[in-house]
């Protein structure tokens, strides 16, 4: 039975497949079962937006780290009759190569500058508040 579970994944060498293949495979298996993302989420208790991300879509800003998805990937792989260890290995290798995070929008230099400016303004405001408080006491 275990051999049947991983047959689709093991027809390709582990290091050459990457996240694109695993995401495509997950989506194809789900569609072969005739299931929507909502039906799959209800059956697996994995939120739809995580399933979307595992299938190569979704909003990447909903995740702090894509490795957070590993427990959900295991559950999803088992549900789809795939070898969860192999699916996780594919995902982790792709993550370390940056293939998973590559889809996430990079912070632009202008946005980074804005965030730093806001931080320093808040810090300056706190400094002024502390000086004002100590000035009132003296």
N, C-alpha and C. Protein backbone atom coordinates (compact mmCIF):
# COMPACT_ATOMS: atom_id res chain seq x y z
N UNK A 1 0.83 -1.19 0.00
CA UNK A 1 0.00 0.00 0.00
C UNK A 1 0.87 1.26 0.00
N UNK A 2 1.93 1.28 0.82
CA UNK A 2 2.84 2.42 0.89
C UNK A 2 3.48 2.70 -0.47
N UNK A 3 3.75 1.65 -1.22
CA UNK A 3 4.35 1.80 -2.54
C UNK A 3 3.40 2.53 -3.48
N UNK A 4 2.08 2.25 -3.38
CA UNK A 4 1.10 2.91 -4.21
C UNK A 4 0.98 4.39 -3.87
N UNK A 5 1.10 4.71 -2.58
CA UNK A 5 0.95 6.09 -2.13
C UNK A 5 1.99 7.01 -2.75
N UNK A 6 3.21 6.53 -2.91
CA UNK A 6 4.29 7.41 -3.35
C UNK A 6 4.67 7.22 -4.81
N UNK A 7 3.93 6.45 -5.56
CA UNK A 7 4.33 6.15 -6.93
C UNK A 7 4.43 7.41 -7.79
N UNK A 8 3.48 8.34 -7.65
CA UNK A 8 3.53 9.56 -8.44
C UNK A 8 4.73 10.42 -8.07
N UNK A 9 5.04 10.48 -6.78
CA UNK A 9 6.14 11.32 -6.35
C UNK A 9 7.49 10.72 -6.70
N UNK A 10 7.62 9.40 -6.61
CA UNK A 10 8.92 8.79 -6.77
C UNK A 10 9.31 8.55 -8.23
N UNK A 11 8.46 8.90 -9.18
CA UNK A 11 8.85 8.74 -10.57
C UNK A 11 9.85 9.82 -11.00
N UNK A 12 10.08 10.80 -10.14
CA UNK A 12 11.04 11.86 -10.41
C UNK A 12 12.11 11.86 -9.32
N UNK A 13 13.35 12.21 -9.65
CA UNK A 13 14.38 12.31 -8.62
C UNK A 13 14.03 13.41 -7.62
N UNK A 14 14.31 13.18 -6.35
CA UNK A 14 13.92 14.08 -5.28
C UNK A 14 14.41 15.51 -5.50
N UNK A 15 15.65 15.70 -5.81
CA UNK A 15 16.20 17.04 -5.89
C UNK A 15 15.88 17.77 -7.18
N UNK A 16 15.32 17.11 -8.16
CA UNK A 16 15.03 17.77 -9.42
C UNK A 16 13.58 18.22 -9.54
N UNK A 17 12.75 17.82 -8.61
CA UNK A 17 11.32 18.08 -8.75
C UNK A 17 10.95 19.46 -8.21
N UNK A 18 11.17 19.71 -6.94
CA UNK A 18 10.91 21.01 -6.36
C UNK A 18 9.44 21.26 -6.06
N UNK A 19 9.19 22.45 -5.50
CA UNK A 19 7.86 22.83 -5.03
C UNK A 19 6.84 22.90 -6.17
N UNK A 20 7.25 23.35 -7.34
CA UNK A 20 6.29 23.45 -8.43
C UNK A 20 5.66 22.11 -8.72
N UNK A 21 6.45 21.07 -8.71
CA UNK A 21 5.89 19.76 -8.98
C UNK A 21 4.97 19.31 -7.86
N UNK A 22 5.38 19.48 -6.63
CA UNK A 22 4.56 19.01 -5.51
C UNK A 22 3.25 19.79 -5.49
N UNK A 23 3.27 21.07 -5.75
CA UNK A 23 2.04 21.85 -5.75
C UNK A 23 1.13 21.42 -6.89
N UNK A 24 1.72 21.17 -8.05
CA UNK A 24 0.94 20.70 -9.19
C UNK A 24 0.35 19.33 -8.91
N UNK A 25 1.14 18.47 -8.30
CA UNK A 25 0.68 17.13 -7.97
C UNK A 25 -0.47 17.16 -6.97
N UNK A 26 -0.36 18.01 -5.95
CA UNK A 26 -1.42 18.13 -4.96
C UNK A 26 -2.73 18.57 -5.62
N UNK A 27 -2.64 19.58 -6.45
CA UNK A 27 -3.84 20.09 -7.12
C UNK A 27 -4.43 19.04 -8.05
N UNK A 28 -3.57 18.38 -8.81
CA UNK A 28 -4.06 17.35 -9.75
C UNK A 28 -4.76 16.23 -8.99
N UNK A 29 -4.17 15.76 -7.89
CA UNK A 29 -4.78 14.68 -7.11
C UNK A 29 -6.14 15.10 -6.56
N UNK A 30 -6.21 16.33 -6.05
CA UNK A 30 -7.48 16.82 -5.50
C UNK A 30 -8.54 16.87 -6.59
N UNK A 31 -8.16 17.39 -7.75
CA UNK A 31 -9.11 17.49 -8.85
C UNK A 31 -9.53 16.12 -9.37
N UNK A 32 -8.60 15.16 -9.36
CA UNK A 32 -8.94 13.79 -9.76
C UNK A 32 -10.00 13.19 -8.84
N UNK A 33 -9.96 13.58 -7.58
CA UNK A 33 -10.95 13.10 -6.62
C UNK A 33 -12.27 13.87 -6.75
N UNK A 34 -12.27 14.90 -7.61
CA UNK A 34 -13.48 15.69 -7.82
C UNK A 34 -13.84 16.58 -6.65
N UNK A 35 -12.84 17.05 -5.91
CA UNK A 35 -13.08 17.85 -4.72
C UNK A 35 -12.73 19.32 -4.94
N UNK A 36 -13.51 20.19 -4.36
CA UNK A 36 -13.17 21.61 -4.36
C UNK A 36 -12.24 21.87 -3.18
N UNK A 37 -11.66 23.06 -3.15
CA UNK A 37 -10.81 23.43 -2.01
C UNK A 37 -11.63 23.48 -0.72
N UNK A 38 -12.88 23.95 -0.82
CA UNK A 38 -13.73 24.04 0.36
C UNK A 38 -14.06 22.65 0.90
N UNK A 39 -14.36 21.70 0.03
CA UNK A 39 -14.65 20.33 0.46
C UNK A 39 -13.42 19.69 1.09
N UNK A 40 -12.26 19.96 0.49
CA UNK A 40 -11.01 19.41 1.01
C UNK A 40 -10.70 20.01 2.38
N UNK A 41 -10.91 21.31 2.52
CA UNK A 41 -10.67 21.97 3.81
C UNK A 41 -11.57 21.39 4.89
N UNK A 42 -12.82 21.14 4.54
CA UNK A 42 -13.75 20.57 5.52
C UNK A 42 -13.34 19.15 5.93
N UNK A 43 -12.84 18.38 4.97
CA UNK A 43 -12.46 16.99 5.25
C UNK A 43 -11.14 16.89 6.02
N UNK A 44 -10.21 17.79 5.74
CA UNK A 44 -8.87 17.70 6.34
C UNK A 44 -8.67 18.62 7.53
N UNK A 45 -9.57 19.58 7.70
CA UNK A 45 -9.44 20.62 8.74
C UNK A 45 -8.21 21.49 8.50
N UNK A 46 -7.82 21.61 7.24
CA UNK A 46 -6.74 22.51 6.83
C UNK A 46 -7.41 23.72 6.19
N UNK A 47 -7.12 24.94 6.67
CA UNK A 47 -7.77 26.13 6.11
C UNK A 47 -7.55 26.26 4.60
N UNK A 48 -8.56 26.79 3.91
CA UNK A 48 -8.51 26.91 2.45
C UNK A 48 -7.29 27.70 2.00
N UNK A 49 -6.95 28.79 2.70
CA UNK A 49 -5.82 29.61 2.25
C UNK A 49 -4.50 28.85 2.37
N UNK A 50 -4.38 27.89 3.29
CA UNK A 50 -3.19 27.06 3.35
C UNK A 50 -3.18 26.06 2.18
N UNK A 51 -4.34 25.49 1.89
CA UNK A 51 -4.42 24.57 0.75
C UNK A 51 -4.06 25.31 -0.54
N UNK A 52 -4.57 26.53 -0.70
CA UNK A 52 -4.25 27.31 -1.89
C UNK A 52 -2.75 27.53 -2.00
N UNK A 53 -2.12 27.86 -0.89
CA UNK A 53 -0.67 28.10 -0.91
C UNK A 53 0.10 26.81 -1.24
N UNK A 54 -0.34 25.69 -0.66
CA UNK A 54 0.31 24.41 -0.95
C UNK A 54 0.17 24.03 -2.41
N UNK A 55 -0.91 24.48 -3.04
CA UNK A 55 -1.12 24.19 -4.46
C UNK A 55 -0.49 25.26 -5.36
N UNK A 56 0.28 26.14 -4.79
CA UNK A 56 1.01 27.11 -5.60
C UNK A 56 0.32 28.43 -5.80
N UNK A 57 -0.78 28.69 -5.11
CA UNK A 57 -1.50 29.95 -5.24
C UNK A 57 -1.65 30.61 -3.90
N UNK A 58 -2.71 31.36 -3.76
CA UNK A 58 -3.00 32.00 -2.48
C UNK A 58 -2.18 33.24 -2.25
N UNK A 59 -2.48 33.90 -1.15
CA UNK A 59 -1.80 35.13 -0.78
C UNK A 59 -0.61 34.81 0.11
N UNK A 60 0.61 35.05 -0.37
CA UNK A 60 1.79 34.72 0.43
C UNK A 60 1.94 35.57 1.67
N UNK A 61 1.24 36.69 1.76
CA UNK A 61 1.36 37.57 2.92
C UNK A 61 0.64 37.01 4.14
N UNK A 62 -0.12 35.93 3.96
CA UNK A 62 -0.82 35.33 5.09
C UNK A 62 0.09 34.42 5.91
N UNK A 63 1.31 34.21 5.44
CA UNK A 63 2.24 33.31 6.13
C UNK A 63 3.45 34.07 6.65
N UNK A 64 3.82 33.78 7.88
CA UNK A 64 5.07 34.34 8.42
C UNK A 64 6.25 33.55 7.85
N UNK A 65 6.07 32.24 7.69
CA UNK A 65 7.12 31.36 7.19
C UNK A 65 6.44 30.18 6.51
N UNK A 66 6.87 29.86 5.31
CA UNK A 66 6.21 28.77 4.58
C UNK A 66 6.43 27.41 5.25
N UNK A 67 7.46 27.27 6.08
CA UNK A 67 7.68 26.00 6.76
C UNK A 67 6.60 25.72 7.81
N UNK A 68 5.84 26.75 8.16
CA UNK A 68 4.70 26.58 9.04
C UNK A 68 3.67 25.63 8.42
N UNK A 69 3.69 25.49 7.11
CA UNK A 69 2.72 24.67 6.39
C UNK A 69 3.00 23.17 6.46
N UNK A 70 4.15 22.77 6.97
CA UNK A 70 4.54 21.36 6.94
C UNK A 70 3.51 20.44 7.59
N UNK A 71 3.01 20.73 8.79
CA UNK A 71 2.00 19.82 9.36
C UNK A 71 0.75 19.73 8.48
N UNK A 72 0.38 20.85 7.87
CA UNK A 72 -0.79 20.85 6.99
C UNK A 72 -0.50 20.08 5.71
N UNK A 73 0.73 20.18 5.21
CA UNK A 73 1.13 19.43 4.03
C UNK A 73 1.06 17.94 4.30
N UNK A 74 1.51 17.51 5.46
CA UNK A 74 1.43 16.08 5.84
C UNK A 74 -0.02 15.60 5.79
N UNK A 75 -0.89 16.35 6.43
CA UNK A 75 -2.30 15.99 6.47
C UNK A 75 -2.88 15.93 5.06
N UNK A 76 -2.56 16.92 4.26
CA UNK A 76 -3.07 17.00 2.89
C UNK A 76 -2.54 15.84 2.04
N UNK A 77 -1.25 15.53 2.17
CA UNK A 77 -0.66 14.42 1.41
C UNK A 77 -1.32 13.10 1.79
N UNK A 78 -1.53 12.86 3.07
CA UNK A 78 -2.17 11.62 3.52
C UNK A 78 -3.59 11.55 2.96
N UNK A 79 -4.31 12.66 3.01
CA UNK A 79 -5.67 12.72 2.49
C UNK A 79 -5.71 12.38 1.00
N UNK A 80 -4.68 12.79 0.27
CA UNK A 80 -4.63 12.54 -1.18
C UNK A 80 -3.94 11.23 -1.52
N UNK A 81 -3.64 10.39 -0.52
CA UNK A 81 -2.98 9.10 -0.71
C UNK A 81 -1.59 9.26 -1.31
N UNK A 82 -0.87 10.28 -0.84
CA UNK A 82 0.53 10.48 -1.23
C UNK A 82 1.40 10.22 -0.02
N UNK A 83 2.67 9.91 -0.26
CA UNK A 83 3.62 9.68 0.83
C UNK A 83 3.93 11.03 1.49
N UNK A 84 3.52 11.23 2.74
CA UNK A 84 3.73 12.54 3.37
C UNK A 84 5.20 12.88 3.59
N UNK A 85 6.03 11.90 3.89
CA UNK A 85 7.45 12.18 4.11
C UNK A 85 8.10 12.69 2.84
N UNK A 86 7.76 12.09 1.74
CA UNK A 86 8.34 12.51 0.47
C UNK A 86 7.82 13.89 0.06
N UNK A 87 6.53 14.13 0.28
CA UNK A 87 5.95 15.43 -0.05
C UNK A 87 6.61 16.54 0.78
N UNK A 88 6.83 16.27 2.06
CA UNK A 88 7.47 17.25 2.94
C UNK A 88 8.91 17.48 2.50
N UNK A 89 9.61 16.41 2.16
CA UNK A 89 11.00 16.56 1.69
C UNK A 89 11.06 17.45 0.45
N UNK A 90 10.16 17.23 -0.48
CA UNK A 90 10.10 18.07 -1.70
C UNK A 90 9.90 19.54 -1.32
N UNK A 91 8.96 19.77 -0.43
CA UNK A 91 8.61 21.12 -0.03
C UNK A 91 9.76 21.80 0.70
N UNK A 92 10.42 21.08 1.60
CA UNK A 92 11.52 21.65 2.37
C UNK A 92 12.71 21.97 1.47
N UNK A 93 13.02 21.08 0.56
CA UNK A 93 14.12 21.33 -0.37
C UNK A 93 13.83 22.58 -1.21
N UNK A 94 12.60 22.68 -1.69
CA UNK A 94 12.23 23.86 -2.47
C UNK A 94 12.30 25.12 -1.62
N UNK A 95 11.91 25.00 -0.36
CA UNK A 95 11.95 26.15 0.54
C UNK A 95 13.38 26.62 0.77
N UNK A 96 14.29 25.67 0.98
CA UNK A 96 15.69 26.03 1.21
C UNK A 96 16.33 26.63 -0.04
N UNK A 97 15.85 26.23 -1.19
CA UNK A 97 16.36 26.81 -2.43
C UNK A 97 15.73 28.17 -2.71
N UNK A 98 14.71 28.51 -1.93
CA UNK A 98 14.04 29.79 -2.13
C UNK A 98 12.93 29.75 -3.14
N UNK A 99 12.55 28.56 -3.60
CA UNK A 99 11.52 28.48 -4.62
C UNK A 99 10.15 28.79 -4.05
N UNK A 100 9.91 28.47 -2.79
CA UNK A 100 8.61 28.72 -2.18
C UNK A 100 8.47 30.21 -1.91
N UNK A 101 9.50 30.79 -1.29
CA UNK A 101 9.44 32.20 -0.93
C UNK A 101 9.59 33.11 -2.13
N UNK A 102 10.05 32.59 -3.26
CA UNK A 102 10.24 33.43 -4.44
C UNK A 102 8.95 34.07 -4.89
N UNK A 103 7.84 33.41 -4.64
CA UNK A 103 6.55 33.97 -5.02
C UNK A 103 6.09 35.08 -4.10
N UNK A 104 6.67 35.16 -2.93
CA UNK A 104 6.29 36.20 -1.99
C UNK A 104 6.87 37.54 -2.43
N UNK A 105 6.05 38.56 -2.33
CA UNK A 105 6.50 39.89 -2.75
C UNK A 105 7.61 40.38 -1.85
N UNK A 106 8.68 40.84 -2.47
CA UNK A 106 9.80 41.39 -1.71
C UNK A 106 9.47 42.82 -1.31
N UNK A 107 9.97 43.22 -0.16
CA UNK A 107 9.72 44.57 0.31
C UNK A 107 10.55 45.54 -0.53
N UNK A 108 9.90 46.55 -1.06
CA UNK A 108 10.59 47.52 -1.89
C UNK A 108 11.43 48.44 -1.02
N UNK A 109 12.51 49.01 -1.57
CA UNK A 109 13.35 49.92 -0.78
C UNK A 109 12.55 51.12 -0.25
N UNK A 110 11.60 51.60 -1.03
CA UNK A 110 10.80 52.75 -0.59
C UNK A 110 9.95 52.38 0.62
N UNK A 111 9.35 51.21 0.59
CA UNK A 111 8.53 50.76 1.72
C UNK A 111 9.40 50.53 2.96
N UNK A 112 10.59 49.97 2.74
CA UNK A 112 11.51 49.75 3.84
C UNK A 112 11.92 51.09 4.46
N UNK A 113 12.19 52.08 3.63
CA UNK A 113 12.55 53.41 4.12
C UNK A 113 11.40 54.00 4.93
N UNK A 114 10.18 53.85 4.44
CA UNK A 114 9.01 54.35 5.15
C UNK A 114 8.86 53.70 6.52
N UNK A 115 9.05 52.40 6.58
CA UNK A 115 8.93 51.68 7.85
C UNK A 115 10.00 52.15 8.84
N UNK A 116 11.21 52.37 8.36
CA UNK A 116 12.26 52.86 9.24
C UNK A 116 11.95 54.27 9.73
N UNK A 117 11.42 55.12 8.85
CA UNK A 117 11.07 56.48 9.23
C UNK A 117 9.99 56.47 10.32
N UNK A 118 8.98 55.64 10.15
CA UNK A 118 7.92 55.54 11.15
C UNK A 118 8.50 55.07 12.48
N UNK A 119 9.39 54.08 12.43
CA UNK A 119 10.01 53.58 13.66
C UNK A 119 10.76 54.70 14.38
N UNK A 120 11.56 55.46 13.66
CA UNK A 120 12.34 56.53 14.29
C UNK A 120 11.45 57.66 14.79
N UNK A 121 10.36 57.94 14.11
CA UNK A 121 9.43 58.96 14.59
C UNK A 121 8.77 58.53 15.90
N UNK A 122 8.40 57.28 15.98
CA UNK A 122 7.83 56.75 17.22
C UNK A 122 8.87 56.80 18.34
N UNK A 123 10.08 56.40 18.03
CA UNK A 123 11.16 56.44 19.01
C UNK A 123 11.42 57.87 19.49
N UNK A 124 11.44 58.82 18.56
CA UNK A 124 11.65 60.23 18.93
C UNK A 124 10.50 60.73 19.79
N UNK A 125 9.29 60.35 19.43
CA UNK A 125 8.12 60.75 20.23
C UNK A 125 8.20 60.22 21.65
N UNK A 126 8.63 58.98 21.80
CA UNK A 126 8.80 58.41 23.14
C UNK A 126 9.88 59.16 23.92
N UNK A 127 10.96 59.53 23.23
CA UNK A 127 12.04 60.28 23.88
C UNK A 127 11.55 61.63 24.37
N UNK A 128 10.78 62.33 23.54
CA UNK A 128 10.22 63.63 23.95
C UNK A 128 9.28 63.45 25.13
N UNK A 129 8.47 62.41 25.12
CA UNK A 129 7.55 62.15 26.23
C UNK A 129 8.30 61.90 27.53
N UNK A 130 9.37 61.13 27.47
CA UNK A 130 10.17 60.84 28.67
C UNK A 130 10.80 62.13 29.19
N UNK A 131 11.36 62.95 28.29
CA UNK A 131 11.96 64.22 28.72
C UNK A 131 10.91 65.14 29.34
N UNK A 132 9.75 65.19 28.78
CA UNK A 132 8.68 66.04 29.30
C UNK A 132 8.25 65.57 30.69
N UNK A 133 8.13 64.24 30.85
CA UNK A 133 7.73 63.69 32.16
C UNK A 133 8.78 63.99 33.22
N UNK A 134 10.06 63.82 32.89
CA UNK A 134 11.12 64.12 33.87
C UNK A 134 11.22 65.60 34.14
N UNK A 135 10.92 66.43 33.14
CA UNK A 135 10.94 67.90 33.32
C UNK A 135 9.86 68.37 34.25
N UNK A 136 8.72 67.70 34.24
CA UNK A 136 7.61 68.07 35.11
C UNK A 136 7.90 67.72 36.57
N UNK A 137 8.68 66.68 36.80
CA UNK A 137 8.97 66.25 38.15
C UNK A 137 9.99 67.14 38.83
N UNK A 138 10.87 67.79 38.04
CA UNK A 138 11.97 68.58 38.63
C UNK A 138 11.64 69.96 38.88
